Amino acid sequence: MIAINQSKVANRPESYETMMKVGPKVCITTASHPGFLGFEQLLQTGIHPMAGRYGGGAVDMHETLNPISMFQYTVWKDVKSHEEMHHENFKEIFELCGSCLDMVIEGPWEPYYEVI
C-alpha cells in the first residue's frame, strides 16, 4: 500500500528550519510502526515542464517556487498497518505536525493506493 502525503508550504527560511527540526521526529514515529516498509520524500513539484523553455521554470527552483508542493510517499505492508499507525500515534503526530501549521498553505491530504 502506498500513501501519498501532499501539502503546499510557504517557501521561506523558517519553513526549512521547521522541517529539519520536526521532520525527523515524524519520520522516526512513522518508521517505528510495524508494517512500515519505506518512504521517498520532499519531491519538488509545481511547474509545467514546458515552462523552462519560456523562462518560467528551472531545474532547481528552491528559492523561486512559492508555495512549494510537497509529496511524501510511504510504503506499507497493508492498509491496516497504515491506519493503526495514525490511530496509535495520533497524539505525537498531532503535536509535531501542529508546530508546522504556520507554513502550510494547503493540506495535508493523504490519499492511499493498494498495489495488487
PDB file of N, CA and C in Angstrom:
ATOM      1  N   MET A   1       0.850  -1.154   0.000  1.00  0.00           N
ATOM      2  CA  MET A   1       0.000   0.000   0.000  1.00  0.00           C
ATOM      3  C   MET A   1       0.899   1.220   0.000  1.00  0.00           C
ATOM      4  N   ILE A   2       0.557   2.188  -0.820  1.00  0.00           N
ATOM      5  CA  ILE A   2       1.325   3.433  -0.893  1.00  0.00           C
ATOM      6  C   ILE A   2       0.426   4.583  -0.458  1.00  0.00           C
ATOM      7  N   ALA A   3       0.885   5.357   0.531  1.00  0.00           N
ATOM      8  CA  ALA A   3       0.177   6.557   0.976  1.00  0.00           C
ATOM      9  C   ALA A   3       0.990   7.761   0.509  1.00  0.00           C
ATOM     10  N   ILE A   4       0.297   8.766  -0.039  1.00  0.00           N
ATOM     11  CA  ILE A   4       0.984   9.951  -0.546  1.00  0.00           C
ATOM     12  C   ILE A   4       0.522  11.163   0.256  1.00  0.00           C
ATOM     13  N   ASN A   5       1.385  11.633   1.149  1.00  0.00           N
ATOM     14  CA  ASN A   5       1.075  12.814   1.948  1.00  0.00           C
ATOM     15  C   ASN A   5       1.384  14.030   1.096  1.00  0.00           C
ATOM     16  N   GLN A   6       0.372  14.859   0.842  1.00  0.00           N
ATOM     17  CA  GLN A   6       0.502  16.003  -0.051  1.00  0.00           C
ATOM     18  C   GLN A   6       0.199  17.294   0.700  1.00  0.00           C
ATOM     19  N   SER A   7       1.027  18.298   0.471  1.00  0.00           N
ATOM     20  CA  SER A   7       0.777  19.616   1.048  1.00  0.00           C
ATOM     21  C   SER A   7       1.494  20.665   0.216  1.00  0.00           C
ATOM     22  N   LYS A   8       1.108  21.912   0.428  1.00  0.00           N
ATOM     23  CA  LYS A   8       1.823  23.052  -0.142  1.00  0.00           C
ATOM     24  C   LYS A   8       2.286  23.892   1.041  1.00  0.00           C
ATOM     25  N   VAL A   9       3.582  24.245   1.022  1.00  0.00           N
ATOM     26  CA  VAL A   9       4.142  25.013   2.128  1.00  0.00           C
ATOM     27  C   VAL A   9       4.804  26.287   1.616  1.00  0.00           C
ATOM     28  N   ALA A  10       4.848  27.287   2.493  1.00  0.00           N
ATOM     29  CA  ALA A  10       5.479  28.561   2.155  1.00  0.00           C
ATOM     30  C   ALA A  10       6.981  28.357   1.984  1.00  0.00           C
ATOM     31  N   ASN A  11       7.515  28.916   0.913  1.00  0.00           N
ATOM     32  CA  ASN A  11       8.951  28.829   0.637  1.00  0.00           C
ATOM     33  C   ASN A  11       9.643  29.998   1.330  1.00  0.00           C
ATOM     34  N   ARG A  12      10.057  29.754   2.564  1.00  0.00           N
ATOM     35  CA  ARG A  12      10.793  30.762   3.334  1.00  0.00           C
ATOM     36  C   ARG A  12      11.751  30.029   4.270  1.00  0.00           C
ATOM     37  N   PRO A  13      12.822  30.689   4.718  1.00  0.00           N
ATOM     38  CA  PRO A  13      13.825  30.017   5.558  1.00  0.00           C
ATOM     39  C   PRO A  13      13.231  29.355   6.797  1.00  0.00           C
ATOM     40  N   GLU A  14      12.240  29.968   7.411  1.00  0.00           N
ATOM     41  CA  GLU A  14      11.646  29.396   8.622  1.00  0.00           C
ATOM     42  C   GLU A  14      11.006  28.037   8.342  1.00  0.00           C
ATOM     43  N   SER A  15      10.455  27.869   7.134  1.00  0.00           N
ATOM     44  CA  SER A  15       9.839  26.585   6.777  1.00  0.00           C
ATOM     45  C   SER A  15      10.881  25.472   6.772  1.00  0.00           C
ATOM     46  N   TYR A  16      12.049  25.744   6.207  1.00  0.00           N
ATOM     47  CA  TYR A  16      13.100  24.731   6.153  1.00  0.00           C
ATOM     48  C   TYR A  16      13.638  24.425   7.545  1.00  0.00           C
ATOM     49  N   GLU A  17      13.754  25.440   8.377  1.00  0.00           N
ATOM     50  CA  GLU A  17      14.205  25.225   9.754  1.00  0.00           C
ATOM     51  C   GLU A  17      13.224  24.314  10.495  1.00  0.00           C
ATOM     52  N   THR A  18      11.926  24.585  10.333  1.00  0.00           N
ATOM     53  CA  THR A  18      10.907  23.766  10.984  1.00  0.00           C
ATOM     54  C   THR A  18      10.941  22.340  10.459  1.00  0.00           C
ATOM     55  N   MET A  19      11.072  22.180   9.130  1.00  0.00           N
ATOM     56  CA  MET A  19      11.121  20.836   8.547  1.00  0.00           C
ATOM     57  C   MET A  19      12.311  20.042   9.081  1.00  0.00           C
ATOM     58  N   MET A  20      13.454  20.692   9.237  1.00  0.00           N
ATOM     59  CA  MET A  20      14.646  19.997   9.727  1.00  0.00           C
ATOM     60  C   MET A  20      14.521  19.645  11.218  1.00  0.00           C
ATOM     61  N   LYS A  21      13.732  20.402  11.951  1.00  0.00           N
ATOM     62  CA  LYS A  21      13.551  20.140  13.375  1.00  0.00           C
ATOM     63  C   LYS A  21      12.459  19.097  13.615  1.00  0.00           C
ATOM     64  N   VAL A  22      11.340  19.213  12.917  1.00  0.00           N
ATOM     65  CA  VAL A  22      10.173  18.368  13.157  1.00  0.00           C
ATOM     66  C   VAL A  22      10.180  17.109  12.287  1.00  0.00           C
ATOM     67  N   GLY A  23      10.604  17.233  11.047  1.00  0.00           N
ATOM     68  CA  GLY A  23      10.560  16.128  10.091  1.00  0.00           C
ATOM     69  C   GLY A  23      11.159  14.824  10.583  1.00  0.00           C
ATOM     70  N   PRO A  24      12.385  14.836  11.115  1.00  0.00           N
ATOM     71  CA  PRO A  24      12.975  13.574  11.582  1.00  0.00           C
ATOM     72  C   PRO A  24      12.161  12.896  12.685  1.00  0.00           C
ATOM     73  N   LYS A  25      11.539  13.681  13.548  1.00  0.00           N
ATOM     74  CA  LYS A  25      10.735  13.106  14.634  1.00  0.00           C
ATOM     75  C   LYS A  25       9.488  12.420  14.077  1.00  0.00           C
ATOM     76  N   VAL A  26       8.869  13.037  13.066  1.00  0.00           N
ATOM     77  CA  VAL A  26       7.707  12.422  12.428  1.00  0.00           C
ATOM     78  C   VAL A  26       8.139  11.148  11.706  1.00  0.00           C
ATOM     79  N   CYS A  27       9.281  11.210  11.030  1.00  0.00           N
ATOM     80  CA  CYS A  27       9.786  10.041  10.304  1.00  0.00           C
ATOM     81  C   CYS A  27      10.080   8.880  11.245  1.00  0.00           C
ATOM     82  N   ILE A  28      10.698   9.147  12.379  1.00  0.00           N
ATOM     83  CA  ILE A  28      11.016   8.084  13.339  1.00  0.00           C
ATOM     84  C   ILE A  28       9.733   7.470  13.885  1.00  0.00           C
ATOM     85  N   THR A  29       8.752   8.320  14.201  1.00  0.00           N
ATOM     86  CA  THR A  29       7.470   7.817  14.707  1.00  0.00           C
ATOM     87  C   THR A  29       6.817   6.915  13.673  1.00  0.00           C
ATOM     88  N   THR A  30       6.813   7.349  12.421  1.00  0.00           N
ATOM     89  CA  THR A  30       6.193   6.574  11.348  1.00  0.00           C
ATOM     90  C   THR A  30       6.963   5.278  11.087  1.00  0.00           C
ATOM     91  N   ALA A  31       8.277   5.393  10.933  1.00  0.00           N
ATOM     92  CA  ALA A  31       9.101   4.231  10.567  1.00  0.00           C
ATOM     93  C   ALA A  31       9.178   3.182  11.661  1.00  0.00           C
ATOM     94  N   SER A  32       8.887   3.565  12.892  1.00  0.00           N
ATOM     95  CA  SER A  32       8.945   2.613  14.009  1.00  0.00           C
ATOM     96  C   SER A  32       7.720   1.712  14.076  1.00  0.00           C
ATOM     97  N   HIS A  33       6.714   2.030  13.301  1.00  0.00           N
ATOM     98  CA  HIS A  33       5.468   1.256  13.387  1.00  0.00           C
ATOM     99  C   HIS A  33       5.562  -0.026  12.554  1.00  0.00           C
ATOM    100  N   PRO A  34       5.092  -1.160  13.113  1.00  0.00           N
ATOM    101  CA  PRO A  34       5.087  -2.416  12.343  1.00  0.00           C
ATOM    102  C   PRO A  34       4.278  -2.263  11.045  1.00  0.00           C
ATOM    103  N   GLY A  35       4.794  -2.798   9.984  1.00  0.00           N
ATOM    104  CA  GLY A  35       4.118  -2.729   8.690  1.00  0.00           C
ATOM    105  C   GLY A  35       4.654  -1.633   7.791  1.00  0.00           C
ATOM    106  N   PHE A  36       5.471  -0.722   8.331  1.00  0.00           N
ATOM    107  CA  PHE A  36       6.088   0.329   7.524  1.00  0.00           C
ATOM    108  C   PHE A  36       7.229  -0.280   6.725  1.00  0.00           C
ATOM    109  N   LEU A  37       7.266   0.006   5.411  1.00  0.00           N
ATOM    110  CA  LEU A  37       8.291  -0.596   4.545  1.00  0.00           C
ATOM    111  C   LEU A  37       9.294   0.399   3.980  1.00  0.00           C
ATOM    112  N   GLY A  38       8.934   1.689   3.905  1.00  0.00           N
ATOM    113  CA  GLY A  38       9.882   2.654   3.357  1.00  0.00           C
ATOM    114  C   GLY A  38       9.195   3.931   2.921  1.00  0.00           C
ATOM    115  N   PHE A  39      10.008   4.904   2.440  1.00  0.00           N
ATOM    116  CA  PHE A  39       9.464   6.195   2.013  1.00  0.00           C
ATOM    117  C   PHE A  39      10.368   6.882   1.005  1.00  0.00           C
ATOM    118  N   GLU A  40       9.813   7.882   0.355  1.00  0.00           N
ATOM    119  CA  GLU A  40      10.532   8.826  -0.505  1.00  0.00           C
ATOM    120  C   GLU A  40       9.896  10.165  -0.219  1.00  0.00           C
ATOM    121  N   GLN A  41      10.692  11.199   0.023  1.00  0.00           N
ATOM    122  CA  GLN A  41      10.089  12.465   0.436  1.00  0.00           C
ATOM    123  C   GLN A  41      10.702  13.669  -0.247  1.00  0.00           C
ATOM    124  N   LEU A  42      10.037  14.796  -0.039  1.00  0.00           N
ATOM    125  CA  LEU A  42      10.481  16.111  -0.465  1.00  0.00           C
ATOM    126  C   LEU A  42      10.769  16.209  -1.958  1.00  0.00           C
ATOM    127  N   LEU A  43       9.803  15.806  -2.751  1.00  0.00           N
ATOM    128  CA  LEU A  43       9.928  15.925  -4.194  1.00  0.00           C
ATOM    129  C   LEU A  43       9.420  17.295  -4.621  1.00  0.00           C
ATOM    130  N   GLN A  44      10.217  18.025  -5.396  1.00  0.00           N
ATOM    131  CA  GLN A  44       9.814  19.346  -5.861  1.00  0.00           C
ATOM    132  C   GLN A  44       8.830  19.210  -7.010  1.00  0.00           C
ATOM    133  N   THR A  45       7.672  19.824  -6.868  1.00  0.00           N
ATOM    134  CA  THR A  45       6.678  19.822  -7.930  1.00  0.00           C
ATOM    135  C   THR A  45       6.118  21.228  -8.046  1.00  0.00           C
ATOM    136  N   GLY A  46       5.364  21.500  -9.080  1.00  0.00           N
ATOM    137  CA  GLY A  46       4.662  22.769  -9.118  1.00  0.00           C
ATOM    138  C   GLY A  46       4.731  23.561 -10.404  1.00  0.00           C
ATOM    139  N   ILE A  47       5.522  23.164 -11.405  1.00  0.00           N
ATOM    140  CA  ILE A  47       5.536  23.900 -12.658  1.00  0.00           C
ATOM    141  C   ILE A  47       5.341  22.923 -13.814  1.00  0.00           C
ATOM    142  N   HIS A  48       4.893  23.433 -14.912  1.00  0.00           N
ATOM    143  CA  HIS A  48       4.733  22.630 -16.117  1.00  0.00           C
ATOM    144  C   HIS A  48       6.100  22.477 -16.773  1.00  0.00           C
ATOM    145  N   PRO A  49       6.467  21.278 -17.246  1.00  0.00           N
ATOM    146  CA  PRO A  49       7.787  21.063 -17.830  1.00  0.00           C
ATOM    147  C   PRO A  49       8.131  22.022 -18.971  1.00  0.00           C
ATOM    148  N   MET A  50       7.135  22.440 -19.747  1.00  0.00           N
ATOM    149  CA  MET A  50       7.408  23.346 -20.863  1.00  0.00           C
ATOM    150  C   MET A  50       7.750  24.757 -20.397  1.00  0.00           C
ATOM    151  N   ALA A  51       7.479  25.081 -19.139  1.00  0.00           N
ATOM    152  CA  ALA A  51       7.728  26.442 -18.662  1.00  0.00           C
ATOM    153  C   ALA A  51       9.203  26.810 -18.750  1.00  0.00           C
ATOM    154  N   GLY A  52      10.095  25.838 -18.614  1.00  0.00           N
ATOM    155  CA  GLY A  52      11.526  26.108 -18.697  1.00  0.00           C
ATOM    156  C   GLY A  52      11.937  26.677 -20.030  1.00  0.00           C
ATOM    157  N   ARG A  53      11.271  26.254 -21.067  1.00  0.00           N
ATOM    158  CA  ARG A  53      11.586  26.734 -22.408  1.00  0.00           C
ATOM    159  C   ARG A  53      11.325  28.233 -22.545  1.00  0.00           C
ATOM    160  N   TYR A  54      10.350  28.731 -21.813  1.00  0.00           N
ATOM    161  CA  TYR A  54       9.944  30.132 -21.947  1.00  0.00           C
ATOM    162  C   TYR A  54      10.346  30.973 -20.731  1.00  0.00           C
ATOM    163  N   GLY A  55      11.292  30.496 -19.928  1.00  0.00           N
ATOM    164  CA  GLY A  55      11.794  31.279 -18.809  1.00  0.00           C
ATOM    165  C   GLY A  55      10.996  31.152 -17.523  1.00  0.00           C
ATOM    166  N   GLY A  56       9.985  30.291 -17.511  1.00  0.00           N
ATOM    167  CA  GLY A  56       9.150  30.179 -16.317  1.00  0.00           C
ATOM    168  C   GLY A  56       9.590  29.102 -15.352  1.00  0.00           C
ATOM    169  N   GLY A  57      10.536  28.271 -15.727  1.00  0.00           N
ATOM    170  CA  GLY A  57      10.947  27.183 -14.855  1.00  0.00           C
ATOM    171  C   GLY A  57      12.439  26.961 -14.915  1.00  0.00           C
ATOM    172  N   ALA A  58      12.942  26.228 -13.959  1.00  0.00           N
ATOM    173  CA  ALA A  58      14.365  25.900 -13.894  1.00  0.00           C
ATOM    174  C   ALA A  58      14.513  24.538 -13.237  1.00  0.00           C
ATOM    175  N   VAL A  59      15.675  23.927 -13.387  1.00  0.00           N
ATOM    176  CA  VAL A  59      15.924  22.623 -12.785  1.00  0.00           C
ATOM    177  C   VAL A  59      15.838  22.725 -11.261  1.00  0.00           C
ATOM    178  N   ASP A  60      16.412  23.774 -10.684  1.00  0.00           N
ATOM    179  CA  ASP A  60      16.355  23.981  -9.237  1.00  0.00           C
ATOM    180  C   ASP A  60      15.593  25.275  -8.961  1.00  0.00           C
ATOM    181  N   MET A  61      14.402  25.133  -8.411  1.00  0.00           N
ATOM    182  CA  MET A  61      13.592  26.308  -8.083  1.00  0.00           C
ATOM    183  C   MET A  61      13.442  26.437  -6.570  1.00  0.00           C
ATOM    184  N   HIS A  62      14.452  25.987  -5.874  1.00  0.00           N
ATOM    185  CA  HIS A  62      14.480  26.002  -4.412  1.00  0.00           C
ATOM    186  C   HIS A  62      14.169  27.398  -3.853  1.00  0.00           C
ATOM    187  N   GLU A  63      14.664  28.421  -4.490  1.00  0.00           N
ATOM    188  CA  GLU A  63      14.489  29.775  -3.972  1.00  0.00           C
ATOM    189  C   GLU A  63      13.348  30.541  -4.633  1.00  0.00           C
ATOM    190  N   THR A  64      12.875  30.097  -5.784  1.00  0.00           N
ATOM    191  CA  THR A  64      11.904  30.907  -6.523  1.00  0.00           C
ATOM    192  C   THR A  64      10.479  30.361  -6.519  1.00  0.00           C
ATOM    193  N   LEU A  65      10.285  29.083  -6.321  1.00  0.00           N
ATOM    194  CA  LEU A  65       8.949  28.494  -6.346  1.00  0.00           C
ATOM    195  C   LEU A  65       8.268  28.728  -4.997  1.00  0.00           C
ATOM    196  N   ASN A  66       7.083  29.365  -5.019  1.00  0.00           N
ATOM    197  CA  ASN A  66       6.387  29.646  -3.767  1.00  0.00           C
ATOM    198  C   ASN A  66       4.888  29.696  -4.022  1.00  0.00           C
ATOM    199  N   PRO A  67       4.094  28.827  -3.382  1.00  0.00           N
ATOM    200  CA  PRO A  67       4.489  27.832  -2.392  1.00  0.00           C
ATOM    201  C   PRO A  67       5.103  26.603  -3.063  1.00  0.00           C
ATOM    202  N   ILE A  68       5.681  25.761  -2.249  1.00  0.00           N
ATOM    203  CA  ILE A  68       6.281  24.521  -2.722  1.00  0.00           C
ATOM    204  C   ILE A  68       5.304  23.388  -2.460  1.00  0.00           C
ATOM    205  N   SER A  69       5.027  22.605  -3.499  1.00  0.00           N
ATOM    206  CA  SER A  69       4.194  21.412  -3.327  1.00  0.00           C
ATOM    207  C   SER A  69       5.085  20.280  -2.855  1.00  0.00           C
ATOM    208  N   MET A  70       4.677  19.641  -1.779  1.00  0.00           N
ATOM    209  CA  MET A  70       5.481  18.563  -1.198  1.00  0.00           C
ATOM    210  C   MET A  70       4.696  17.266  -1.254  1.00  0.00           C
ATOM    211  N   PHE A  71       5.325  16.221  -1.757  1.00  0.00           N
ATOM    212  CA  PHE A  71       4.734  14.888  -1.764  1.00  0.00           C
ATOM    213  C   PHE A  71       5.677  13.982  -0.980  1.00  0.00           C
ATOM    214  N   GLN A  72       5.137  13.243  -0.041  1.00  0.00           N
ATOM    215  CA  GLN A  72       5.927  12.232   0.665  1.00  0.00           C
ATOM    216  C   GLN A  72       5.215  10.904   0.490  1.00  0.00           C
ATOM    217  N   TYR A  73       5.908   9.954  -0.107  1.00  0.00           N
ATOM    218  CA  TYR A  73       5.360   8.626  -0.351  1.00  0.00           C
ATOM    219  C   TYR A  73       5.804   7.701   0.773  1.00  0.00           C
ATOM    220  N   THR A  74       4.857   7.022   1.416  1.00  0.00           N
ATOM    221  CA  THR A  74       5.206   5.983   2.377  1.00  0.00           C
ATOM    222  C   THR A  74       4.641   4.666   1.877  1.00  0.00           C
ATOM    223  N   VAL A  75       5.398   3.612   2.075  1.00  0.00           N
ATOM    224  CA  VAL A  75       5.012   2.283   1.606  1.00  0.00           C
ATOM    225  C   VAL A  75       4.750   1.412   2.836  1.00  0.00           C
ATOM    226  N   TRP A  76       3.623   0.711   2.798  1.00  0.00           N
ATOM    227  CA  TRP A  76       3.150  -0.087   3.931  1.00  0.00           C
ATOM    228  C   TRP A  76       2.828  -1.508   3.497  1.00  0.00           C
ATOM    229  N   LYS A  77       2.907  -2.401   4.450  1.00  0.00           N
ATOM    230  CA  LYS A  77       2.546  -3.801   4.205  1.00  0.00           C
ATOM    231  C   LYS A  77       1.083  -3.907   3.786  1.00  0.00           C
ATOM    232  N   ASP A  78       0.214  -3.124   4.443  1.00  0.00           N
ATOM    233  CA  ASP A  78      -1.213  -3.138   4.126  1.00  0.00           C
ATOM    234  C   ASP A  78      -1.884  -1.883   4.700  1.00  0.00           C
ATOM    235  N   VAL A  79      -3.130  -1.674   4.326  1.00  0.00           N
ATOM    236  CA  VAL A  79      -3.893  -0.507   4.778  1.00  0.00           C
ATOM    237  C   VAL A  79      -4.030  -0.518   6.301  1.00  0.00           C
ATOM    238  N   LYS A  80      -4.250  -1.686   6.873  1.00  0.00           N
ATOM    239  CA  LYS A  80      -4.431  -1.800   8.322  1.00  0.00           C
ATOM    240  C   LYS A  80      -3.224  -1.243   9.077  1.00  0.00           C
ATOM    241  N   SER A  81      -2.017  -1.560   8.641  1.00  0.00           N
ATOM    242  CA  SER A  81      -0.802  -1.064   9.294  1.00  0.00           C
ATOM    243  C   SER A  81      -0.742   0.460   9.256  1.00  0.00           C
ATOM    244  N   HIS A  82      -1.060   1.026   8.109  1.00  0.00           N
ATOM    245  CA  HIS A  82      -1.046   2.479   7.949  1.00  0.00           C
ATOM    246  C   HIS A  82      -2.066   3.147   8.874  1.00  0.00           C
ATOM    247  N   GLU A  83      -3.273   2.632   8.894  1.00  0.00           N
ATOM    248  CA  GLU A  83      -4.323   3.220   9.725  1.00  0.00           C
ATOM    249  C   GLU A  83      -4.013   3.060  11.208  1.00  0.00           C
ATOM    250  N   GLU A  84      -3.472   1.908  11.607  1.00  0.00           N
ATOM    251  CA  GLU A  84      -3.083   1.702  13.004  1.00  0.00           C
ATOM    252  C   GLU A  84      -2.022   2.712  13.430  1.00  0.00           C
ATOM    253  N   MET A  85      -1.062   2.990  12.550  1.00  0.00           N
ATOM    254  CA  MET A  85      -0.014   3.952  12.881  1.00  0.00           C
ATOM    255  C   MET A  85      -0.636   5.308  13.204  1.00  0.00           C
ATOM    256  N   HIS A  86      -1.585   5.756  12.378  1.00  0.00           N
ATOM    257  CA  HIS A  86      -2.224   7.047  12.627  1.00  0.00           C
ATOM    258  C   HIS A  86      -3.008   7.046  13.942  1.00  0.00           C
ATOM    259  N   HIS A  87      -3.721   5.991  14.213  1.00  0.00           N
ATOM    260  CA  HIS A  87      -4.531   5.927  15.436  1.00  0.00           C
ATOM    261  C   HIS A  87      -3.657   5.812  16.688  1.00  0.00           C
ATOM    262  N   GLU A  88      -2.661   4.949  16.640  1.00  0.00           N
ATOM    263  CA  GLU A  88      -1.830   4.711  17.825  1.00  0.00           C
ATOM    264  C   GLU A  88      -0.883   5.865  18.130  1.00  0.00           C
ATOM    265  N   ASN A  89      -0.509   6.636  17.121  1.00  0.00           N
ATOM    266  CA  ASN A  89       0.438   7.742  17.309  1.00  0.00           C
ATOM    267  C   ASN A  89      -0.212   9.105  17.110  1.00  0.00           C
ATOM    268  N   PHE A  90      -1.543   9.159  17.204  1.00  0.00           N
ATOM    269  CA  PHE A  90      -2.254  10.406  16.918  1.00  0.00           C
ATOM    270  C   PHE A  90      -1.717  11.568  17.753  1.00  0.00           C
ATOM    271  N   LYS A  91      -1.553  11.364  19.039  1.00  0.00           N
ATOM    272  CA  LYS A  91      -1.122  12.456  19.923  1.00  0.00           C
ATOM    273  C   LYS A  91       0.244  12.998  19.507  1.00  0.00           C
ATOM    274  N   GLU A  92       1.219  12.122  19.286  1.00  0.00           N
ATOM    275  CA  GLU A  92       2.564  12.546  18.914  1.00  0.00           C
ATOM    276  C   GLU A  92       2.578  13.258  17.565  1.00  0.00           C
ATOM    277  N   ILE A  93       1.905  12.662  16.581  1.00  0.00           N
ATOM    278  CA  ILE A  93       1.902  13.254  15.245  1.00  0.00           C
ATOM    279  C   ILE A  93       1.145  14.582  15.243  1.00  0.00           C
ATOM    280  N   PHE A  94       0.031  14.662  15.966  1.00  0.00           N
ATOM    281  CA  PHE A  94      -0.736  15.904  16.042  1.00  0.00           C
ATOM    282  C   PHE A  94       0.113  17.022  16.648  1.00  0.00           C
ATOM    283  N   GLU A  95       0.831  16.715  17.734  1.00  0.00           N
ATOM    284  CA  GLU A  95       1.680  17.723  18.367  1.00  0.00           C
ATOM    285  C   GLU A  95       2.829  18.147  17.448  1.00  0.00           C
ATOM    286  N   LEU A  96       3.471  17.189  16.799  1.00  0.00           N
ATOM    287  CA  LEU A  96       4.580  17.507  15.907  1.00  0.00           C
ATOM    288  C   LEU A  96       4.104  18.309  14.695  1.00  0.00           C
ATOM    289  N   CYS A  97       3.071  17.815  14.026  1.00  0.00           N
ATOM    290  CA  CYS A  97       2.586  18.483  12.818  1.00  0.00           C
ATOM    291  C   CYS A  97       1.917  19.818  13.132  1.00  0.00           C
ATOM    292  N   GLY A  98       1.362  19.936  14.330  1.00  0.00           N
ATOM    293  CA  GLY A  98       0.756  21.198  14.736  1.00  0.00           C
ATOM    294  C   GLY A  98       1.757  22.337  14.769  1.00  0.00           C
ATOM    295  N   SER A  99       3.024  22.031  15.006  1.00  0.00           N
ATOM    296  CA  SER A  99       4.051  23.074  15.028  1.00  0.00           C
ATOM    297  C   SER A  99       4.417  23.561  13.629  1.00  0.00           C
ATOM    298  N   CYS A 100       3.879  22.913  12.587  1.00  0.00           N
ATOM    299  CA  CYS A 100       4.171  23.285  11.199  1.00  0.00           C
ATOM    300  C   CYS A 100       3.053  24.113  10.560  1.00  0.00           C
ATOM    301  N   LEU A 101       1.960  24.308  11.256  1.00  0.00           N
ATOM    302  CA  LEU A 101       0.784  24.914  10.632  1.00  0.00           C
ATOM    303  C   LEU A 101       1.014  26.317  10.093  1.00  0.00           C
ATOM    304  N   ASP A 102       1.949  27.078  10.643  1.00  0.00           N
ATOM    305  CA  ASP A 102       2.175  28.435  10.147  1.00  0.00           C
ATOM    306  C   ASP A 102       2.818  28.471   8.765  1.00  0.00           C
ATOM    307  N   MET A 103       3.354  27.346   8.304  1.00  0.00           N
ATOM    308  CA  MET A 103       3.969  27.309   6.978  1.00  0.00           C
ATOM    309  C   MET A 103       3.094  26.604   5.933  1.00  0.00           C
ATOM    310  N   VAL A 104       2.034  25.941   6.384  1.00  0.00           N
ATOM    311  CA  VAL A 104       1.184  25.178   5.466  1.00  0.00           C
ATOM    312  C   VAL A 104       0.194  26.103   4.757  1.00  0.00           C
ATOM    313  N   ILE A 105       0.177  26.034   3.440  1.00  0.00           N
ATOM    314  CA  ILE A 105      -0.743  26.817   2.617  1.00  0.00           C
ATOM    315  C   ILE A 105      -1.977  25.979   2.294  1.00  0.00           C
ATOM    316  N   GLU A 106      -1.768  24.724   1.908  1.00  0.00           N
ATOM    317  CA  GLU A 106      -2.852  23.779   1.611  1.00  0.00           C
ATOM    318  C   GLU A 106      -2.484  22.409   2.152  1.00  0.00           C
ATOM    319  N   GLY A 107      -3.515  21.682   2.587  1.00  0.00           N
ATOM    320  CA  GLY A 107      -3.300  20.308   3.022  1.00  0.00           C
ATOM    321  C   GLY A 107      -3.085  20.229   4.514  1.00  0.00           C
ATOM    322  N   PRO A 108      -2.532  19.148   4.970  1.00  0.00           N
ATOM    323  CA  PRO A 108      -2.111  17.989   4.200  1.00  0.00           C
ATOM    324  C   PRO A 108      -3.269  17.042   3.881  1.00  0.00           C
ATOM    325  N   TRP A 109      -3.118  16.344   2.774  1.00  0.00           N
ATOM    326  CA  TRP A 109      -4.022  15.270   2.379  1.00  0.00           C
ATOM    327  C   TRP A 109      -3.181  14.017   2.257  1.00  0.00           C
ATOM    328  N   GLU A 110      -3.828  12.874   2.386  1.00  0.00           N
ATOM    329  CA  GLU A 110      -3.066  11.631   2.255  1.00  0.00           C
ATOM    330  C   GLU A 110      -3.904  10.549   1.598  1.00  0.00           C
ATOM    331  N   PRO A 111      -4.051  10.628   0.271  1.00  0.00           N
ATOM    332  CA  PRO A 111      -4.705   9.503  -0.408  1.00  0.00           C
ATOM    333  C   PRO A 111      -3.780   8.285  -0.365  1.00  0.00           C
ATOM    334  N   TYR A 112      -4.380   7.120  -0.408  1.00  0.00           N
ATOM    335  CA  TYR A 112      -3.555   5.921  -0.453  1.00  0.00           C
ATOM    336  C   TYR A 112      -4.074   4.975  -1.520  1.00  0.00           C
ATOM    337  N   TYR A 113      -3.157   4.134  -1.989  1.00  0.00           N
ATOM    338  CA  TYR A 113      -3.446   3.216  -3.092  1.00  0.00           C
ATOM    339  C   TYR A 113      -2.925   1.837  -2.737  1.00  0.00           C
ATOM    340  N   GLU A 114      -3.777   0.849  -2.923  1.00  0.00           N
ATOM    341  CA  GLU A 114      -3.340  -0.522  -2.717  1.00  0.00           C
ATOM    342  C   GLU A 114      -2.723  -1.048  -4.008  1.00  0.00           C
ATOM    343  N   VAL A 115      -1.577  -1.667  -3.895  1.00  0.00           N
ATOM    344  CA  VAL A 115      -0.898  -2.267  -5.035  1.00  0.00           C
ATOM    345  C   VAL A 115      -1.315  -3.738  -5.053  1.00  0.00           C
ATOM    346  N   ILE A 116      -1.976  -4.137  -6.143  1.00  0.00           N
ATOM    347  CA  ILE A 116      -2.476  -5.504  -6.253  1.00  0.00           C
ATOM    348  C   ILE A 116      -1.700  -6.254  -7.318  1.00  0.00           C
TER     349      ILE A 116
END
